[in-house]
Amino acid sequence: MLLREDEIMKQRIFSGLDTNWKFRYCHGGTLRKSSKGRGARPLSTKDPIHLVFKINKAAVTKGLRHPRNFNLMNALMKKYARKFFVKIEQASVQTDHIHILIRGGRRSAMQSFFRVVAGQFAQCLTDTFTKGHEGERIWKHRPFTRVIRGFKPYRIVRDYIQLNELEALGRPYSKTRLRGLSEEQLRELWV
């Protein structure tokens, strides 16, 4: 039985397949500026999620690698990961952004984790507990999330986060850093 074209379009719209395939598992960040990133945040309880927080450099002058900010961010991530039952598989704190690879049990718990970690960091950094904050916004964009489907994309994201951490610790930066790495160089990332 062949379906007519208008029936196929209705089915595609109803099933959610009418979205742009490239951004189907992504949400937040700069995608919020376009219509592609304004839907519901895709989250998965089975697959890992790549989470990126990006700060406004004007609001945090010393950056996230400053010892006070670095320790604060790590303590908040650990504390709220335990509270919301989110497993942090890997994290890398850079001077202007944070990469986290997480897994969670419930959608509501993961959403609470994103909200509370970002909010608590901004409140502790600006000391809004005792006085109001009138300056720049701490976060540049909403948190970017991407559901990682499959082992190969998982390995790429895991290596990317590890490479970011090594670059924060002093490894020289290269624009083609992930495209030109051999298997031996990828193994060196984890030594």
C-alpha atoms as a PDB file:
ATOM      1  CA  MET A   1       0.000   0.000   0.000  1.00  0.00           C
ATOM      2  CA  LEU A   2       1.515   3.300  -1.057  1.00  0.00           C
ATOM      3  CA  LEU A   3       1.005   6.404   1.052  1.00  0.00           C
ATOM      4  CA  ARG A   4       0.302   9.731  -0.514  1.00  0.00           C
ATOM      5  CA  GLU A   5       2.882  12.490  -0.136  1.00  0.00           C
ATOM      6  CA  ASP A   6       0.774  14.601   2.238  1.00  0.00           C
ATOM      7  CA  GLU A   7       0.201  11.559   4.497  1.00  0.00           C
ATOM      8  CA  ILE A   8       3.948  10.930   4.605  1.00  0.00           C
ATOM      9  CA  MET A   9       4.591  14.551   5.593  1.00  0.00           C
ATOM     10  CA  LYS A  10       2.008  14.319   8.387  1.00  0.00           C
ATOM     11  CA  GLN A  11       3.650  11.146   9.687  1.00  0.00           C
ATOM     12  CA  ARG A  12       7.109  12.711   9.582  1.00  0.00           C
ATOM     13  CA  ILE A  13       5.916  15.777  11.481  1.00  0.00           C
ATOM     14  CA  PHE A  14       4.076  13.642  14.042  1.00  0.00           C
ATOM     15  CA  SER A  15       7.030  11.314  14.593  1.00  0.00           C
ATOM     16  CA  GLY A  16       9.538  14.135  15.104  1.00  0.00           C
ATOM     17  CA  LEU A  17      11.566  13.298  12.003  1.00  0.00           C
ATOM     18  CA  ASP A  18      10.947  16.721  10.527  1.00  0.00           C
ATOM     19  CA  THR A  19      13.872  18.195  12.502  1.00  0.00           C
ATOM     20  CA  ASN A  20      17.226  18.966  10.962  1.00  0.00           C
ATOM     21  CA  TRP A  21      19.147  15.683  11.322  1.00  0.00           C
ATOM     22  CA  LYS A  22      22.421  17.410  12.197  1.00  0.00           C
ATOM     23  CA  PHE A  23      20.960  19.084  15.288  1.00  0.00           C
ATOM     24  CA  ARG A  24      18.501  16.397  16.369  1.00  0.00           C
ATOM     25  CA  TYR A  25      20.542  15.403  19.432  1.00  0.00           C
ATOM     26  CA  CYS A  26      21.959  18.887  20.238  1.00  0.00           C
ATOM     27  CA  HIS A  27      20.580  21.788  22.234  1.00  0.00           C
ATOM     28  CA  GLY A  28      21.742  25.069  23.732  1.00  0.00           C
ATOM     29  CA  GLY A  29      24.848  27.131  23.135  1.00  0.00           C
ATOM     30  CA  THR A  30      24.782  29.184  19.941  1.00  0.00           C
ATOM     31  CA  LEU A  31      22.018  26.964  18.537  1.00  0.00           C
ATOM     32  CA  ARG A  32      19.526  28.943  20.641  1.00  0.00           C
ATOM     33  CA  LYS A  33      20.070  31.932  18.348  1.00  0.00           C
ATOM     34  CA  SER A  34      18.662  30.006  15.393  1.00  0.00           C
ATOM     35  CA  SER A  35      15.389  28.161  15.133  1.00  0.00           C
ATOM     36  CA  LYS A  36      17.233  24.818  15.135  1.00  0.00           C
ATOM     37  CA  GLY A  37      17.954  24.901  18.856  1.00  0.00           C
ATOM     38  CA  ARG A  38      14.687  26.109  20.304  1.00  0.00           C
ATOM     39  CA  GLY A  39      12.912  22.818  20.808  1.00  0.00           C
ATOM     40  CA  ALA A  40      12.988  20.613  23.871  1.00  0.00           C
ATOM     41  CA  ARG A  41      16.433  19.592  25.139  1.00  0.00           C
ATOM     42  CA  PRO A  42      17.118  16.046  23.915  1.00  0.00           C
ATOM     43  CA  LEU A  43      18.359  13.896  26.792  1.00  0.00           C
ATOM     44  CA  SER A  44      18.925  10.177  27.098  1.00  0.00           C
ATOM     45  CA  THR A  45      19.091   7.928  30.123  1.00  0.00           C
ATOM     46  CA  LYS A  46      20.938   5.236  28.157  1.00  0.00           C
ATOM     47  CA  ASP A  47      23.491   7.260  26.197  1.00  0.00           C
ATOM     48  CA  PRO A  48      26.222   9.581  27.494  1.00  0.00           C
ATOM     49  CA  ILE A  49      25.794  13.342  27.142  1.00  0.00           C
ATOM     50  CA  HIS A  50      28.467  15.878  26.235  1.00  0.00           C
ATOM     51  CA  LEU A  51      27.806  19.037  28.243  1.00  0.00           C
ATOM     52  CA  VAL A  52      29.554  22.380  27.635  1.00  0.00           C
ATOM     53  CA  PHE A  53      29.321  25.493  29.822  1.00  0.00           C
ATOM     54  CA  LYS A  54      30.789  28.668  28.245  1.00  0.00           C
ATOM     55  CA  ILE A  55      31.581  31.696  30.419  1.00  0.00           C
ATOM     56  CA  ASN A  56      31.619  35.359  29.542  1.00  0.00           C
ATOM     57  CA  LYS A  57      35.303  36.404  29.678  1.00  0.00           C
ATOM     58  CA  ALA A  58      34.410  39.934  30.737  1.00  0.00           C
ATOM     59  CA  ALA A  59      32.578  38.671  33.834  1.00  0.00           C
ATOM     60  CA  VAL A  60      35.228  36.175  34.965  1.00  0.00           C
ATOM     61  CA  THR A  61      38.501  38.019  34.478  1.00  0.00           C
ATOM     62  CA  LYS A  62      40.871  35.371  35.837  1.00  0.00           C
ATOM     63  CA  GLY A  63      39.156  32.514  34.022  1.00  0.00           C
ATOM     64  CA  LEU A  64      38.069  29.113  35.233  1.00  0.00           C
ATOM     65  CA  ARG A  65      41.631  27.752  35.553  1.00  0.00           C
ATOM     66  CA  HIS A  66      42.367  30.192  38.376  1.00  0.00           C
ATOM     67  CA  PRO A  67      42.826  27.992  41.485  1.00  0.00           C
ATOM     68  CA  ARG A  68      39.828  29.426  43.354  1.00  0.00           C
ATOM     69  CA  ASN A  69      37.442  29.098  40.394  1.00  0.00           C
ATOM     70  CA  PHE A  70      38.855  25.699  39.390  1.00  0.00           C
ATOM     71  CA  ASN A  71      38.403  24.219  42.875  1.00  0.00           C
ATOM     72  CA  LEU A  72      34.962  25.784  43.226  1.00  0.00           C
ATOM     73  CA  MET A  73      33.756  24.351  39.915  1.00  0.00           C
ATOM     74  CA  ASN A  74      35.113  20.866  40.628  1.00  0.00           C
ATOM     75  CA  ALA A  75      33.585  20.835  44.118  1.00  0.00           C
ATOM     76  CA  LEU A  76      30.188  21.952  42.795  1.00  0.00           C
ATOM     77  CA  MET A  77      30.226  19.346  40.001  1.00  0.00           C
ATOM     78  CA  LYS A  78      31.032  16.520  42.441  1.00  0.00           C
ATOM     79  CA  LYS A  79      28.525  17.677  45.053  1.00  0.00           C
ATOM     80  CA  TYR A  80      25.586  18.001  42.691  1.00  0.00           C
ATOM     81  CA  ALA A  81      26.489  14.893  40.693  1.00  0.00           C
ATOM     82  CA  ARG A  82      26.006  12.911  43.905  1.00  0.00           C
ATOM     83  CA  LYS A  83      22.810  14.767  44.771  1.00  0.00           C
ATOM     84  CA  PHE A  84      21.145  14.288  41.373  1.00  0.00           C
ATOM     85  CA  PHE A  85      22.565  10.789  40.666  1.00  0.00           C
ATOM     86  CA  VAL A  86      24.550  11.925  37.638  1.00  0.00           C
ATOM     87  CA  LYS A  87      27.755  10.074  36.829  1.00  0.00           C
ATOM     88  CA  ILE A  88      30.582  12.300  35.606  1.00  0.00           C
ATOM     89  CA  GLU A  89      32.686  10.118  33.322  1.00  0.00           C
ATOM     90  CA  GLN A  90      35.103  12.842  32.306  1.00  0.00           C
ATOM     91  CA  ALA A  91      35.503  16.583  32.854  1.00  0.00           C
ATOM     92  CA  SER A  92      37.847  19.268  31.594  1.00  0.00           C
ATOM     93  CA  VAL A  93      37.849  22.805  32.944  1.00  0.00           C
ATOM     94  CA  GLN A  94      39.376  25.323  30.501  1.00  0.00           C
ATOM     95  CA  THR A  95      39.939  29.045  30.997  1.00  0.00           C
ATOM     96  CA  ASP A  96      36.649  29.997  29.290  1.00  0.00           C
ATOM     97  CA  HIS A  97      34.595  26.790  29.068  1.00  0.00           C
ATOM     98  CA  ILE A  98      33.966  23.420  30.685  1.00  0.00           C
ATOM     99  CA  HIS A  99      33.503  20.057  28.978  1.00  0.00           C
ATOM    100  CA  ILE A 100      31.731  17.295  30.917  1.00  0.00           C
ATOM    101  CA  LEU A 101      30.822  13.802  29.759  1.00  0.00           C
ATOM    102  CA  ILE A 102      27.941  12.577  31.916  1.00  0.00           C
ATOM    103  CA  ARG A 103      25.348   9.846  32.266  1.00  0.00           C
ATOM    104  CA  GLY A 104      22.147  10.226  34.192  1.00  0.00           C
ATOM    105  CA  GLY A 105      19.208   8.191  35.352  1.00  0.00           C
ATOM    106  CA  ARG A 106      16.268  10.535  34.985  1.00  0.00           C
ATOM    107  CA  ARG A 107      15.651  13.442  32.664  1.00  0.00           C
ATOM    108  CA  SER A 108      14.482  15.703  35.489  1.00  0.00           C
ATOM    109  CA  ALA A 109      17.613  14.935  37.532  1.00  0.00           C
ATOM    110  CA  MET A 110      19.905  15.805  34.619  1.00  0.00           C
ATOM    111  CA  GLN A 111      18.059  19.055  33.962  1.00  0.00           C
ATOM    112  CA  SER A 112      18.334  19.938  37.644  1.00  0.00           C
ATOM    113  CA  PHE A 113      22.064  19.160  37.529  1.00  0.00           C
ATOM    114  CA  PHE A 114      22.593  21.592  34.606  1.00  0.00           C
ATOM    115  CA  ARG A 115      20.545  24.314  36.277  1.00  0.00           C
ATOM    116  CA  VAL A 116      21.955  24.003  39.792  1.00  0.00           C
ATOM    117  CA  VAL A 117      25.648  23.698  38.831  1.00  0.00           C
ATOM    118  CA  ALA A 118      25.444  26.778  36.591  1.00  0.00           C
ATOM    119  CA  GLY A 119      23.444  28.758  39.144  1.00  0.00           C
ATOM    120  CA  GLN A 120      25.539  27.841  42.170  1.00  0.00           C
ATOM    121  CA  PHE A 121      28.786  28.637  40.381  1.00  0.00           C
ATOM    122  CA  ALA A 122      27.485  32.046  39.288  1.00  0.00           C
ATOM    123  CA  GLN A 123      26.195  32.810  42.797  1.00  0.00           C
ATOM    124  CA  CYS A 124      29.407  31.756  44.542  1.00  0.00           C
ATOM    125  CA  LEU A 125      31.599  33.600  42.047  1.00  0.00           C
ATOM    126  CA  THR A 126      29.698  36.890  42.256  1.00  0.00           C
ATOM    127  CA  ASP A 127      28.856  36.540  45.966  1.00  0.00           C
ATOM    128  CA  THR A 128      25.150  37.170  45.397  1.00  0.00           C
ATOM    129  CA  PHE A 129      24.362  35.446  48.696  1.00  0.00           C
ATOM    130  CA  THR A 130      25.314  38.600  50.629  1.00  0.00           C
ATOM    131  CA  LYS A 131      24.917  41.337  48.008  1.00  0.00           C
ATOM    132  CA  GLY A 132      23.197  41.760  44.652  1.00  0.00           C
ATOM    133  CA  HIS A 133      25.051  41.334  41.371  1.00  0.00           C
ATOM    134  CA  GLU A 134      24.802  44.206  38.901  1.00  0.00           C
ATOM    135  CA  GLY A 135      27.693  43.330  36.560  1.00  0.00           C
ATOM    136  CA  GLU A 136      28.070  41.175  33.460  1.00  0.00           C
ATOM    137  CA  ARG A 137      26.336  37.827  33.104  1.00  0.00           C
ATOM    138  CA  ILE A 138      28.589  34.916  34.029  1.00  0.00           C
ATOM    139  CA  TRP A 139      27.459  32.485  31.333  1.00  0.00           C
ATOM    140  CA  LYS A 140      27.736  33.442  27.673  1.00  0.00           C
ATOM    141  CA  HIS A 141      25.125  30.930  26.455  1.00  0.00           C
ATOM    142  CA  ARG A 142      22.818  28.313  27.863  1.00  0.00           C
ATOM    143  CA  PRO A 143      24.554  24.982  28.463  1.00  0.00           C
ATOM    144  CA  PHE A 144      25.181  23.061  25.247  1.00  0.00           C
ATOM    145  CA  THR A 145      24.297  19.368  25.340  1.00  0.00           C
ATOM    146  CA  ARG A 146      24.687  16.651  22.776  1.00  0.00           C
ATOM    147  CA  VAL A 147      23.492  13.079  23.161  1.00  0.00           C
ATOM    148  CA  ILE A 148      26.299  10.742  22.069  1.00  0.00           C
ATOM    149  CA  ARG A 149      24.859   7.834  20.090  1.00  0.00           C
ATOM    150  CA  GLY A 150      27.244   4.980  19.290  1.00  0.00           C
ATOM    151  CA  PHE A 151      30.750   3.963  20.306  1.00  0.00           C
ATOM    152  CA  LYS A 152      32.717   5.836  17.639  1.00  0.00           C
ATOM    153  CA  PRO A 153      31.224   9.278  18.488  1.00  0.00           C
ATOM    154  CA  TYR A 154      31.680   8.443  22.186  1.00  0.00           C
ATOM    155  CA  ARG A 155      35.368   7.725  21.619  1.00  0.00           C
ATOM    156  CA  ILE A 156      35.803  10.943  19.615  1.00  0.00           C
ATOM    157  CA  VAL A 157      34.213  13.070  22.353  1.00  0.00           C
ATOM    158  CA  ARG A 158      36.184  11.291  25.073  1.00  0.00           C
ATOM    159  CA  ASP A 159      39.475  11.907  23.203  1.00  0.00           C
ATOM    160  CA  TYR A 160      38.451  15.513  22.526  1.00  0.00           C
ATOM    161  CA  ILE A 161      37.845  16.200  26.216  1.00  0.00           C
ATOM    162  CA  GLN A 162      41.145  14.541  27.149  1.00  0.00           C
ATOM    163  CA  LEU A 163      42.998  16.610  24.537  1.00  0.00           C
ATOM    164  CA  ASN A 164      41.380  19.789  25.895  1.00  0.00           C
ATOM    165  CA  GLU A 165      42.579  18.922  29.387  1.00  0.00           C
ATOM    166  CA  LEU A 166      46.126  18.326  28.168  1.00  0.00           C
ATOM    167  CA  GLU A 167      46.075  21.641  26.304  1.00  0.00           C
ATOM    168  CA  ALA A 168      44.991  23.385  29.509  1.00  0.00           C
ATOM    169  CA  LEU A 169      47.954  21.780  31.250  1.00  0.00           C
ATOM    170  CA  GLY A 170      50.449  23.041  28.645  1.00  0.00           C
ATOM    171  CA  ARG A 171      50.288  20.952  25.478  1.00  0.00           C
ATOM    172  CA  PRO A 172      50.607  23.194  22.383  1.00  0.00           C
ATOM    173  CA  TYR A 173      47.354  23.974  20.578  1.00  0.00           C
ATOM    174  CA  SER A 174      46.872  23.019  16.924  1.00  0.00           C
ATOM    175  CA  LYS A 175      43.843  23.716  14.727  1.00  0.00           C
ATOM    176  CA  THR A 176      44.029  20.250  13.164  1.00  0.00           C
ATOM    177  CA  ARG A 177      44.566  18.564  16.508  1.00  0.00           C
ATOM    178  CA  LEU A 178      41.982  15.796  16.150  1.00  0.00           C
ATOM    179  CA  ARG A 179      41.991  15.275  12.389  1.00  0.00           C
ATOM    180  CA  GLY A 180      45.650  14.379  12.058  1.00  0.00           C
ATOM    181  CA  LEU A 181      46.226  12.190  15.121  1.00  0.00           C
ATOM    182  CA  SER A 182      47.339   8.623  14.526  1.00  0.00           C
ATOM    183  CA  GLU A 183      46.368   5.707  16.755  1.00  0.00           C
ATOM    184  CA  GLU A 184      49.713   5.984  18.558  1.00  0.00           C
ATOM    185  CA  GLN A 185      49.189   9.692  19.256  1.00  0.00           C
ATOM    186  CA  LEU A 186      45.672   8.978  20.532  1.00  0.00           C
ATOM    187  CA  ARG A 187      47.130   6.396  22.932  1.00  0.00           C
ATOM    188  CA  GLU A 188      49.633   9.023  24.145  1.00  0.00           C
ATOM    189  CA  LEU A 189      46.686  11.194  25.240  1.00  0.00           C
ATOM    190  CA  TRP A 190      45.807   8.671  27.910  1.00  0.00           C
ATOM    191  CA  VAL A 191      49.315   8.016  29.279  1.00  0.00           C
END
